[in-house]
Amino acid sequence: MSSAVGATAPAAHYPILNIIFRGNDIDGWMSAYLLAKMCPDFSIKFFPACPQKPAEWPTREELGDNITYVLAMRAAPDYDRTPVFMEIPNTTFSATYQVYYMFFPHFSPPEWVSLVNRITNWSKPTIEDKALREVLHPIACMPLNNSVSEAISRTDRFISNSFLPEKRQELIGKGKDILAMKDEMLGNVFTRGRILTLDDSQVRAWNLPESWLGRTVFLLNNTGIVIDSSLASSKVFSENPGVDIFINYRAFETVNPQSGNISVEYVFNARARNTADTGINLTENGIFTGHPCSAGARYKSSLECVVPFIS
């Protein structure tokens, strides 16, 4: 069960708008921020959530009969929805990009909206994009720590500063310093990776798209180590021109509370070289969900389930 972590326009006569959004995620937070800014006549209830943990989402009682938006993810099919319930997942376009066009369909988005779209899709991000992503990510994590008002304030400042050349360069410089530290750490983690060229037996056994036959994959087991998948993929692609797909995964044990049986689950993150260059779509065949160049999945190992790249 979740609970609202903050609200805006709390006057009693204001109608309530619920916003459930992907927590600890730039597109999740920025789309929620933008929607709230575009609805000044509503009292906003923010609910940061994890797509893999539907049991922790807000209950029907918490949501009431109010309008509810789900941003940057989809609700589980059996989730108890309000009468007016709308989903804006991030697929071809980021949720932030889609929220902007919902209100301004005939106008080009401002740079900060385009920035979120580029880093969400991870489609040829520039070094400046990557640096600004490092500045935005800590802000996006604040709502889960009950700091919505601080997140709004810092996002306001980020957007204002991004329009000022001198301030923008300061933000980029700060982000580049963080990137340098992450880059040094990744060099040690890559020793746990391996490169494989997909053959026909692997494509069939793992139900991969036929277009992946002969593709070269960098597969990294980062169990026990937290890494930035997007930055890791950029480093792999730059240092290994022949690699088309980067996949990292973490394995962990779960215990069934009824039977006590232990099972192993795998969480995957995948990145592809730009789709326009390679023709690769990571979501093809449903192996991963998300964007063509940036996607992920979660699998539970069992006799009935073949875990791609593992089984």
Protein backbone atom coordinates (compact mmCIF):
# COMPACT_ATOMS: atom_id res chain seq x y z
CA MET A 1 0.00 0.00 0.00
CA SER A 2 1.22 3.47 -0.86
CA SER A 3 0.27 6.91 0.33
CA ALA A 4 0.47 10.35 -1.21
CA VAL A 5 3.86 11.93 -0.58
CA GLY A 6 2.84 15.51 -1.24
CA ALA A 7 0.14 17.77 -2.57
CA THR A 8 -0.30 21.14 -4.22
CA ALA A 9 -3.16 23.65 -4.02
CA PRO A 10 -4.58 22.13 -0.82
CA ALA A 11 -7.67 24.32 -0.56
CA ALA A 12 -10.69 22.21 0.35
CA HIS A 13 -12.78 23.36 -2.62
CA TYR A 14 -10.20 22.26 -5.20
CA PRO A 15 -10.90 18.99 -7.06
CA ILE A 16 -8.28 16.30 -6.51
CA LEU A 17 -6.02 14.90 -9.23
CA ASN A 18 -4.09 11.71 -8.45
CA ILE A 19 -0.73 11.22 -10.20
CA ILE A 20 0.85 7.78 -9.95
CA PHE A 21 4.29 7.87 -11.52
CA ARG A 22 7.41 5.75 -11.80
CA GLY A 23 9.53 6.52 -8.75
CA ASN A 24 13.29 7.14 -8.85
CA ASP A 25 12.94 7.83 -12.57
CA ILE A 26 13.58 11.07 -14.45
CA ASP A 27 10.74 10.64 -16.94
CA GLY A 28 8.39 9.54 -14.16
CA TRP A 29 9.06 12.61 -12.06
CA MET A 30 9.31 15.16 -14.90
CA SER A 31 6.02 14.01 -16.44
CA ALA A 32 4.33 14.23 -13.02
CA TYR A 33 5.85 17.67 -12.44
CA LEU A 34 4.68 18.94 -15.83
CA LEU A 35 1.15 17.54 -15.42
CA ALA A 36 0.86 19.16 -11.99
CA LYS A 37 2.04 22.51 -13.38
CA MET A 38 -0.56 22.31 -16.14
CA CYS A 39 -3.40 21.66 -13.65
CA PRO A 40 -3.32 24.68 -11.28
CA ASP A 41 -7.01 24.32 -10.46
CA PHE A 42 -6.50 20.88 -8.92
CA SER A 43 -5.14 19.71 -5.61
CA ILE A 44 -2.45 17.21 -6.68
CA LYS A 45 -1.74 13.97 -4.86
CA PHE A 46 1.60 12.44 -5.90
CA PHE A 47 2.11 8.67 -5.67
CA PRO A 48 5.61 7.51 -6.71
CA ALA A 49 5.45 3.77 -7.43
CA CYS A 50 7.44 0.82 -8.69
CA PRO A 51 6.03 -1.08 -11.69
CA GLN A 52 7.29 -4.40 -10.29
CA LYS A 53 5.56 -3.91 -6.92
CA PRO A 54 1.82 -3.42 -7.61
CA ALA A 55 1.00 -4.39 -4.00
CA GLU A 56 2.61 -1.12 -2.88
CA TRP A 57 0.54 1.05 -5.23
CA PRO A 58 -2.18 3.29 -3.71
CA THR A 59 -5.40 1.51 -2.84
CA ARG A 60 -8.80 2.31 -4.33
CA GLU A 61 -9.72 3.97 -1.04
CA GLU A 62 -6.70 6.25 -1.20
CA LEU A 63 -7.51 7.29 -4.76
CA GLY A 64 -11.21 7.87 -4.16
CA ASP A 65 -13.29 8.62 -7.25
CA ASN A 66 -10.85 11.26 -8.46
CA ILE A 67 -9.21 11.55 -11.87
CA THR A 68 -6.06 9.43 -11.86
CA TYR A 69 -3.09 9.47 -14.23
CA VAL A 70 -0.43 6.77 -14.38
CA LEU A 71 2.78 8.13 -15.91
CA ALA A 72 5.86 6.42 -17.39
CA MET A 73 4.47 2.91 -16.77
CA ARG A 74 1.33 0.79 -17.02
CA ALA A 75 -0.89 -0.41 -14.20
CA ALA A 76 -1.36 -4.14 -13.65
CA PRO A 77 -4.47 -5.49 -15.45
CA ASP A 78 -6.20 -6.31 -12.15
CA TYR A 79 -5.43 -2.94 -10.55
CA ASP A 80 -8.56 -1.34 -9.05
CA ARG A 81 -8.96 1.78 -11.18
CA THR A 82 -10.90 4.97 -10.50
CA PRO A 83 -13.81 5.91 -12.82
CA VAL A 84 -11.53 8.28 -14.78
CA PHE A 85 -8.19 6.49 -15.18
CA MET A 86 -5.59 7.35 -17.84
CA GLU A 87 -2.20 5.81 -18.58
CA ILE A 88 0.68 7.51 -20.36
CA PRO A 89 3.50 4.93 -20.57
CA ASN A 90 6.90 5.79 -22.01
CA THR A 91 7.23 3.80 -25.21
CA THR A 92 8.21 5.48 -28.50
CA PHE A 93 8.12 8.85 -26.73
CA SER A 94 8.76 9.68 -23.11
CA ALA A 95 5.77 10.30 -20.85
CA THR A 96 7.01 13.88 -20.35
CA TYR A 97 6.94 14.44 -24.11
CA GLN A 98 3.41 13.03 -24.34
CA VAL A 99 2.11 15.15 -21.45
CA TYR A 100 3.49 18.27 -23.15
CA TYR A 101 1.72 17.45 -26.43
CA MET A 102 -1.50 16.70 -24.58
CA PHE A 103 -1.63 20.40 -23.65
CA PHE A 104 0.31 21.93 -26.58
CA PRO A 105 -0.28 19.72 -29.64
CA HIS A 106 0.68 22.42 -32.14
CA PHE A 107 3.88 23.71 -30.50
CA SER A 108 7.40 22.35 -30.41
CA PRO A 109 8.48 21.37 -26.91
CA PRO A 110 11.01 23.40 -24.92
CA GLU A 111 14.55 22.04 -24.73
CA TRP A 112 14.14 20.51 -21.28
CA VAL A 113 11.22 18.37 -22.50
CA SER A 114 13.29 17.24 -25.51
CA LEU A 115 16.19 16.50 -23.16
CA VAL A 116 14.03 14.16 -21.06
CA ASN A 117 12.83 12.47 -24.25
CA ARG A 118 16.40 11.90 -25.51
CA ILE A 119 17.73 10.46 -22.26
CA THR A 120 14.62 8.33 -21.68
CA ASN A 121 14.86 6.73 -25.14
CA TRP A 122 18.68 6.80 -24.93
CA SER A 123 18.74 7.73 -28.60
CA LYS A 124 22.18 9.14 -29.42
CA PRO A 125 22.44 11.26 -26.25
CA THR A 126 25.21 13.86 -26.32
CA ILE A 127 27.79 14.23 -23.54
CA GLU A 128 25.81 17.29 -22.41
CA ASP A 129 22.63 15.19 -22.26
CA LYS A 130 24.39 12.57 -20.14
CA ALA A 131 25.78 15.23 -17.81
CA LEU A 132 22.39 16.90 -17.29
CA ARG A 133 20.88 13.48 -16.65
CA GLU A 134 23.23 13.12 -13.67
CA VAL A 135 21.93 16.41 -12.27
CA LEU A 136 18.29 15.47 -12.76
CA HIS A 137 18.39 11.96 -11.33
CA PRO A 138 18.84 12.94 -7.64
CA ILE A 139 15.88 15.31 -8.02
CA ALA A 140 13.76 12.51 -9.46
CA CYS A 141 14.55 10.36 -6.40
CA MET A 142 13.26 12.94 -3.91
CA PRO A 143 9.52 12.12 -4.04
CA LEU A 144 10.13 8.60 -2.72
CA ASN A 145 11.85 10.23 0.25
CA ASN A 146 8.77 12.37 0.97
CA SER A 147 10.41 15.48 -0.48
CA VAL A 148 7.96 16.46 -3.22
CA SER A 149 8.03 20.18 -2.40
CA GLU A 150 11.85 20.16 -2.57
CA ALA A 151 11.73 18.22 -5.84
CA ILE A 152 9.35 20.81 -7.33
CA SER A 153 11.56 23.67 -6.14
CA ARG A 154 14.74 22.11 -7.55
CA THR A 155 13.05 21.25 -10.84
CA ASP A 156 11.87 24.85 -11.15
CA ARG A 157 15.49 26.00 -10.68
CA PHE A 158 16.86 23.40 -13.09
CA ILE A 159 14.50 24.50 -15.86
CA SER A 160 15.14 28.20 -15.21
CA ASN A 161 18.92 27.68 -15.20
CA SER A 162 18.82 25.57 -18.35
CA PHE A 163 17.70 28.65 -20.29
CA LEU A 164 20.69 30.69 -19.07
CA PRO A 165 23.93 29.82 -20.93
CA GLU A 166 26.25 30.41 -17.98
CA LYS A 167 24.06 28.51 -15.51
CA ARG A 168 23.53 25.70 -18.02
CA GLN A 169 27.30 25.25 -18.33
CA GLU A 170 27.56 25.05 -14.54
CA LEU A 171 24.98 22.26 -14.53
CA ILE A 172 26.82 20.43 -17.31
CA GLY A 173 30.13 20.77 -15.46
CA LYS A 174 28.62 19.32 -12.29
CA GLY A 175 27.19 16.39 -14.26
CA LYS A 176 30.50 15.70 -16.02
CA ASP A 177 32.25 15.38 -12.66
CA ILE A 178 29.74 12.68 -11.65
CA LEU A 179 30.18 10.94 -15.03
CA ALA A 180 33.94 10.77 -14.53
CA MET A 181 33.52 9.00 -11.18
CA LYS A 182 31.03 6.51 -12.63
CA ASP A 183 33.28 5.82 -15.62
CA GLU A 184 36.15 4.85 -13.35
CA MET A 185 33.94 2.44 -11.40
CA LEU A 186 32.55 0.79 -14.54
CA GLY A 187 36.04 -0.22 -15.72
CA ASN A 188 36.29 -2.65 -12.81
CA VAL A 189 32.78 -4.09 -13.30
CA PHE A 190 33.30 -4.90 -17.00
CA THR A 191 35.67 -7.73 -16.12
CA ARG A 192 32.51 -9.69 -15.18
CA GLY A 193 31.10 -9.39 -18.71
CA ARG A 194 31.41 -11.52 -21.81
CA ILE A 195 30.74 -11.08 -25.51
CA LEU A 196 28.67 -13.59 -27.44
CA THR A 197 27.50 -13.75 -31.04
CA LEU A 198 23.97 -15.14 -31.17
CA ASP A 199 23.64 -18.35 -33.16
CA ASP A 200 20.53 -20.12 -34.43
CA SER A 201 20.19 -22.43 -31.42
CA GLN A 202 20.28 -19.49 -28.98
CA VAL A 203 17.78 -17.45 -30.99
CA ARG A 204 15.34 -20.39 -31.00
CA ALA A 205 15.90 -21.46 -27.38
CA TRP A 206 15.45 -17.95 -26.00
CA ASN A 207 12.63 -16.96 -28.40
CA LEU A 208 14.62 -14.04 -29.73
CA PRO A 209 13.65 -12.19 -32.92
CA GLU A 210 15.13 -13.72 -36.07
CA SER A 211 16.69 -10.34 -36.82
CA TRP A 212 18.97 -10.90 -33.80
CA LEU A 213 20.69 -13.89 -35.45
CA GLY A 214 24.39 -13.09 -35.76
CA ARG A 215 24.14 -10.02 -33.52
CA THR A 216 26.89 -9.46 -31.00
CA VAL A 217 25.84 -9.02 -27.36
CA PHE A 218 27.82 -7.82 -24.36
CA LEU A 219 26.32 -9.73 -21.40
CA LEU A 220 27.16 -8.53 -17.90
CA ASN A 221 26.24 -10.15 -14.58
CA ASN A 222 26.25 -7.27 -12.09
CA THR A 223 24.61 -9.20 -9.23
CA GLY A 224 25.49 -7.43 -5.99
CA ILE A 225 26.72 -4.32 -7.78
CA VAL A 226 24.57 -1.31 -8.70
CA ILE A 227 25.49 0.16 -12.08
CA ASP A 228 24.07 2.75 -14.45
CA SER A 229 22.97 0.62 -17.41
CA SER A 230 22.69 3.51 -19.85
CA LEU A 231 26.18 4.83 -19.14
CA ALA A 232 27.60 1.31 -19.09
CA SER A 233 26.14 0.65 -22.54
CA SER A 234 27.62 3.86 -23.93
CA LYS A 235 31.07 2.84 -22.67
CA VAL A 236 30.72 -0.68 -24.10
CA PHE A 237 29.55 0.59 -27.49
CA SER A 238 32.38 3.13 -27.73
CA GLU A 239 35.06 0.58 -26.79
CA ASN A 240 33.59 -2.37 -28.76
CA PRO A 241 32.46 -1.22 -32.23
CA GLY A 242 31.20 -4.71 -33.11
CA VAL A 243 28.77 -4.96 -30.18
CA ASP A 244 25.13 -4.29 -31.12
CA ILE A 245 23.34 -4.98 -27.80
CA PHE A 246 24.29 -4.45 -24.16
CA ILE A 247 22.50 -6.49 -21.48
CA ASN A 248 23.17 -6.47 -17.75
CA TYR A 249 21.32 -8.54 -15.19
CA ARG A 250 21.04 -9.12 -11.44
CA ALA A 251 20.01 -12.39 -9.83
CA PHE A 252 18.41 -12.68 -6.41
CA GLU A 253 16.54 -15.28 -4.38
CA THR A 254 12.91 -14.98 -3.32
CA VAL A 255 11.06 -17.15 -0.79
CA ASN A 256 7.44 -18.22 -1.24
CA PRO A 257 5.75 -17.30 2.07
CA GLN A 258 3.29 -20.22 1.82
CA SER A 259 5.52 -23.08 0.71
CA GLY A 260 8.89 -21.80 1.82
CA ASN A 261 10.30 -22.70 -1.60
CA ILE A 262 13.22 -20.61 -2.84
CA SER A 263 13.34 -19.39 -6.42
CA VAL A 264 15.75 -17.23 -8.36
CA GLU A 265 14.62 -14.08 -10.17
CA TYR A 266 16.54 -12.13 -12.78
CA VAL A 267 16.19 -8.41 -13.50
CA PHE A 268 17.46 -7.39 -16.94
CA ASN A 269 18.34 -4.01 -18.41
CA ALA A 270 19.08 -3.81 -22.12
CA ARG A 271 20.38 -1.14 -24.47
CA ALA A 272 20.85 -1.22 -28.24
CA ARG A 273 22.87 0.90 -30.58
CA ASN A 274 20.61 3.49 -32.15
CA THR A 275 17.71 1.73 -33.90
CA ALA A 276 18.11 3.89 -37.01
CA ASP A 277 21.66 2.54 -37.39
CA THR A 278 21.11 -1.12 -36.52
CA GLY A 279 17.41 -1.86 -37.06
CA ILE A 280 17.31 -3.50 -33.61
CA ASN A 281 14.13 -3.20 -31.55
CA LEU A 282 14.63 -4.52 -28.02
CA THR A 283 10.87 -4.92 -27.48
CA GLU A 284 10.39 -7.21 -30.50
CA ASN A 285 8.96 -10.63 -29.52
CA GLY A 286 8.20 -9.29 -26.04
CA ILE A 287 11.54 -10.36 -24.55
CA PHE A 288 11.93 -6.88 -23.06
CA THR A 289 9.47 -4.05 -22.50
CA GLY A 290 10.10 -0.33 -22.87
CA HIS A 291 11.70 1.49 -25.78
CA PRO A 292 13.34 0.14 -28.96
CA CYS A 293 16.79 1.22 -27.69
CA SER A 294 16.23 1.05 -23.93
CA ALA A 295 14.23 -1.70 -22.27
CA GLY A 296 14.14 -4.21 -19.42
CA ALA A 297 12.49 -7.32 -18.05
CA ARG A 298 12.07 -9.48 -14.96
CA TYR A 299 12.03 -13.29 -15.10
CA LYS A 300 11.56 -15.98 -12.44
CA SER A 301 13.54 -19.14 -13.03
CA SER A 302 11.39 -22.29 -13.11
CA LEU A 303 10.97 -25.53 -15.02
CA GLU A 304 8.24 -23.90 -17.10
CA CYS A 305 10.05 -20.62 -17.81
CA VAL A 306 13.06 -20.25 -20.04
CA VAL A 307 15.11 -17.28 -18.91
CA PRO A 308 16.73 -15.69 -21.98
CA PHE A 309 20.52 -15.42 -21.90
CA ILE A 310 20.59 -17.60 -18.76
CA SER A 311 18.81 -20.95 -19.32
